[in-house]
């Protein structure tokens, strides 16, 4: 899901909302009452994950690593 929807997720993480980001939260098992916190966290992590000087594969690696570390919502 993340690889196929990478560009959409990048855009929505910058905004802190969107259907792809909500779908990702569902796939990660984020409960509905924690969704807003997940979206805010994703937006806060945007600068680290999508740092301008890094490659797309590195951004993807950082995104996957961040998702593993910050998925205590379930």
N, C-alpha and C. Protein backbone atom coordinates (compact mmCIF):
# COMPACT_ATOMS: atom_id res chain seq x y z
N UNK A 1 0.83 -1.20 0.00
CA UNK A 1 0.00 0.00 0.00
C UNK A 1 0.87 1.26 0.00
N UNK A 2 1.86 1.27 0.86
CA UNK A 2 2.71 2.47 1.00
C UNK A 2 3.50 2.72 -0.28
N UNK A 3 4.05 1.68 -0.88
CA UNK A 3 4.85 1.84 -2.09
C UNK A 3 3.98 2.34 -3.25
N UNK A 4 2.82 1.72 -3.43
CA UNK A 4 1.93 2.07 -4.53
C UNK A 4 1.36 3.48 -4.37
N UNK A 5 1.12 3.90 -3.15
CA UNK A 5 0.47 5.19 -2.88
C UNK A 5 1.42 6.22 -2.29
N UNK A 6 2.70 6.04 -2.52
CA UNK A 6 3.73 6.89 -1.92
C UNK A 6 3.49 8.38 -2.17
N UNK A 7 3.24 8.76 -3.41
CA UNK A 7 3.08 10.18 -3.74
C UNK A 7 1.85 10.78 -3.05
N UNK A 8 0.76 10.02 -3.03
CA UNK A 8 -0.45 10.50 -2.36
C UNK A 8 -0.22 10.64 -0.86
N UNK A 9 0.46 9.66 -0.27
CA UNK A 9 0.74 9.72 1.16
C UNK A 9 1.64 10.91 1.48
N UNK A 10 2.61 11.17 0.63
CA UNK A 10 3.50 12.31 0.86
C UNK A 10 2.69 13.61 0.88
N UNK A 11 1.83 13.79 -0.08
CA UNK A 11 1.01 15.00 -0.14
C UNK A 11 0.09 15.11 1.07
N UNK A 12 -0.54 14.01 1.44
CA UNK A 12 -1.49 14.05 2.54
C UNK A 12 -0.81 14.18 3.90
N UNK A 13 0.40 13.64 4.03
CA UNK A 13 1.13 13.83 5.29
C UNK A 13 1.50 15.30 5.47
N UNK A 14 1.80 15.99 4.40
CA UNK A 14 2.10 17.42 4.49
C UNK A 14 0.87 18.19 4.97
N UNK A 15 -0.32 17.74 4.57
CA UNK A 15 -1.56 18.41 4.95
C UNK A 15 -2.10 17.92 6.29
N UNK A 16 -1.72 16.70 6.67
CA UNK A 16 -2.23 16.12 7.91
C UNK A 16 -3.61 15.53 7.79
N UNK A 17 -4.04 15.24 6.55
CA UNK A 17 -5.35 14.63 6.34
C UNK A 17 -5.44 14.09 4.92
N UNK A 18 -6.46 13.27 4.70
CA UNK A 18 -6.71 12.74 3.37
C UNK A 18 -7.08 11.27 3.41
N UNK A 19 -7.72 10.82 2.33
CA UNK A 19 -8.23 9.46 2.29
C UNK A 19 -7.14 8.39 2.32
N UNK A 20 -6.00 8.65 1.69
CA UNK A 20 -4.92 7.66 1.70
C UNK A 20 -4.32 7.53 3.09
N UNK A 21 -4.16 8.65 3.76
CA UNK A 21 -3.61 8.65 5.11
C UNK A 21 -4.58 7.98 6.09
N UNK A 22 -5.86 8.21 5.92
CA UNK A 22 -6.86 7.54 6.75
C UNK A 22 -6.86 6.04 6.46
N UNK A 23 -6.76 5.67 5.18
CA UNK A 23 -6.69 4.25 4.83
C UNK A 23 -5.46 3.60 5.45
N UNK A 24 -4.34 4.30 5.44
CA UNK A 24 -3.14 3.77 6.07
C UNK A 24 -3.36 3.57 7.56
N UNK A 25 -4.01 4.51 8.20
CA UNK A 25 -4.28 4.35 9.64
C UNK A 25 -5.16 3.13 9.89
N UNK A 26 -6.11 2.88 9.01
CA UNK A 26 -6.95 1.69 9.14
C UNK A 26 -6.13 0.41 8.98
N UNK A 27 -5.25 0.40 7.99
CA UNK A 27 -4.39 -0.77 7.76
C UNK A 27 -3.47 -1.04 8.95
N UNK A 28 -3.06 0.02 9.63
CA UNK A 28 -2.18 -0.12 10.79
C UNK A 28 -2.95 -0.45 12.06
N UNK A 29 -4.28 -0.45 11.97
CA UNK A 29 -5.09 -0.80 13.14
C UNK A 29 -5.29 0.34 14.12
N UNK A 30 -5.17 1.57 13.63
CA UNK A 30 -5.39 2.72 14.51
C UNK A 30 -6.89 2.82 14.81
N UNK A 31 -7.26 2.81 16.08
CA UNK A 31 -8.68 2.92 16.43
C UNK A 31 -9.24 4.29 15.99
N UNK A 32 -10.51 4.34 15.64
CA UNK A 32 -11.11 5.61 15.20
C UNK A 32 -10.91 6.76 16.19
N UNK A 33 -10.92 6.47 17.48
CA UNK A 33 -10.76 7.55 18.45
C UNK A 33 -9.31 8.04 18.56
N UNK A 34 -8.38 7.37 17.91
CA UNK A 34 -6.98 7.80 17.89
C UNK A 34 -6.55 8.33 16.53
N UNK A 35 -7.47 8.35 15.58
CA UNK A 35 -7.12 8.72 14.20
C UNK A 35 -6.58 10.15 14.11
N UNK A 36 -7.22 11.10 14.78
CA UNK A 36 -6.73 12.48 14.70
C UNK A 36 -5.31 12.60 15.23
N UNK A 37 -5.02 11.89 16.29
CA UNK A 37 -3.66 11.91 16.85
C UNK A 37 -2.67 11.31 15.85
N UNK A 38 -3.07 10.23 15.17
CA UNK A 38 -2.22 9.61 14.15
C UNK A 38 -1.95 10.60 13.01
N UNK A 39 -2.99 11.27 12.54
CA UNK A 39 -2.84 12.22 11.43
C UNK A 39 -1.92 13.38 11.82
N UNK A 40 -2.06 13.87 13.04
CA UNK A 40 -1.19 14.95 13.52
C UNK A 40 0.26 14.48 13.63
N UNK A 41 0.43 13.26 14.11
CA UNK A 41 1.77 12.70 14.23
C UNK A 41 2.41 12.54 12.85
N UNK A 42 1.63 12.06 11.89
CA UNK A 42 2.14 11.91 10.53
C UNK A 42 2.58 13.26 9.97
N UNK A 43 1.80 14.28 10.21
CA UNK A 43 2.14 15.61 9.71
C UNK A 43 3.42 16.13 10.38
N UNK A 44 3.56 15.90 11.68
CA UNK A 44 4.77 16.33 12.39
C UNK A 44 6.02 15.62 11.87
N UNK A 45 5.88 14.38 11.43
CA UNK A 45 7.02 13.60 10.95
C UNK A 45 7.38 13.90 9.49
N UNK A 46 6.57 14.68 8.83
CA UNK A 46 6.75 14.94 7.40
C UNK A 46 8.17 15.43 7.07
N UNK A 47 8.65 16.42 7.79
CA UNK A 47 9.97 16.99 7.51
C UNK A 47 11.10 15.98 7.61
N UNK A 48 11.00 15.06 8.56
CA UNK A 48 12.01 14.02 8.71
C UNK A 48 11.91 13.00 7.58
N UNK A 49 10.70 12.56 7.30
CA UNK A 49 10.51 11.49 6.32
C UNK A 49 10.83 11.95 4.90
N UNK A 50 10.39 13.14 4.55
CA UNK A 50 10.52 13.61 3.17
C UNK A 50 11.51 14.76 3.05
N UNK A 51 12.60 14.66 3.77
CA UNK A 51 13.65 15.68 3.72
C UNK A 51 14.04 15.92 2.26
N UNK A 52 14.11 17.18 1.89
CA UNK A 52 14.29 17.56 0.49
C UNK A 52 15.55 16.97 -0.17
N UNK A 53 16.63 16.85 0.56
CA UNK A 53 17.90 16.43 -0.04
C UNK A 53 18.05 14.92 -0.16
N UNK A 54 17.06 14.15 0.25
CA UNK A 54 17.23 12.70 0.20
C UNK A 54 16.48 12.08 -0.98
N UNK A 55 16.86 10.87 -1.29
CA UNK A 55 16.27 10.15 -2.41
C UNK A 55 14.90 9.58 -2.04
N UNK A 56 14.15 9.24 -3.07
CA UNK A 56 12.83 8.61 -2.85
C UNK A 56 12.95 7.31 -2.07
N UNK A 57 13.91 6.42 -2.40
CA UNK A 57 14.04 5.19 -1.60
C UNK A 57 14.34 5.47 -0.13
N UNK A 58 15.12 6.50 0.15
CA UNK A 58 15.41 6.84 1.54
C UNK A 58 14.16 7.37 2.23
N UNK A 59 13.37 8.17 1.53
CA UNK A 59 12.10 8.64 2.10
C UNK A 59 11.18 7.47 2.41
N UNK A 60 11.13 6.51 1.51
CA UNK A 60 10.30 5.33 1.73
C UNK A 60 10.80 4.54 2.93
N UNK A 61 12.11 4.39 3.05
CA UNK A 61 12.69 3.68 4.19
C UNK A 61 12.33 4.40 5.49
N UNK A 62 12.46 5.71 5.50
CA UNK A 62 12.14 6.48 6.70
C UNK A 62 10.65 6.39 7.04
N UNK A 63 9.82 6.41 6.02
CA UNK A 63 8.38 6.29 6.25
C UNK A 63 8.06 4.95 6.89
N UNK A 64 8.60 3.87 6.35
CA UNK A 64 8.34 2.54 6.89
C UNK A 64 8.88 2.42 8.32
N UNK A 65 10.07 2.95 8.55
CA UNK A 65 10.65 2.91 9.90
C UNK A 65 9.79 3.70 10.88
N UNK A 66 9.35 4.87 10.48
CA UNK A 66 8.52 5.70 11.35
C UNK A 66 7.20 5.01 11.66
N UNK A 67 6.61 4.36 10.67
CA UNK A 67 5.35 3.65 10.89
C UNK A 67 5.54 2.52 11.90
N UNK A 68 6.67 1.84 11.85
CA UNK A 68 6.93 0.75 12.78
C UNK A 68 7.10 1.28 14.20
N UNK A 69 7.74 2.41 14.34
CA UNK A 69 8.03 2.98 15.65
C UNK A 69 6.81 3.67 16.25
N UNK A 70 6.02 4.32 15.41
CA UNK A 70 4.93 5.15 15.92
C UNK A 70 3.56 4.55 15.68
N UNK A 71 3.43 3.24 15.80
CA UNK A 71 2.11 2.64 15.62
C UNK A 71 1.58 2.02 16.92
N UNK A 72 1.73 2.70 18.06
CA UNK A 72 1.19 2.17 19.31
C UNK A 72 -0.27 2.57 19.52
N UNK A 73 -0.98 2.81 18.43
CA UNK A 73 -2.35 3.29 18.53
C UNK A 73 -3.35 2.16 18.71
N UNK A 74 -2.97 0.95 18.35
CA UNK A 74 -3.92 -0.16 18.44
C UNK A 74 -3.94 -0.75 19.83
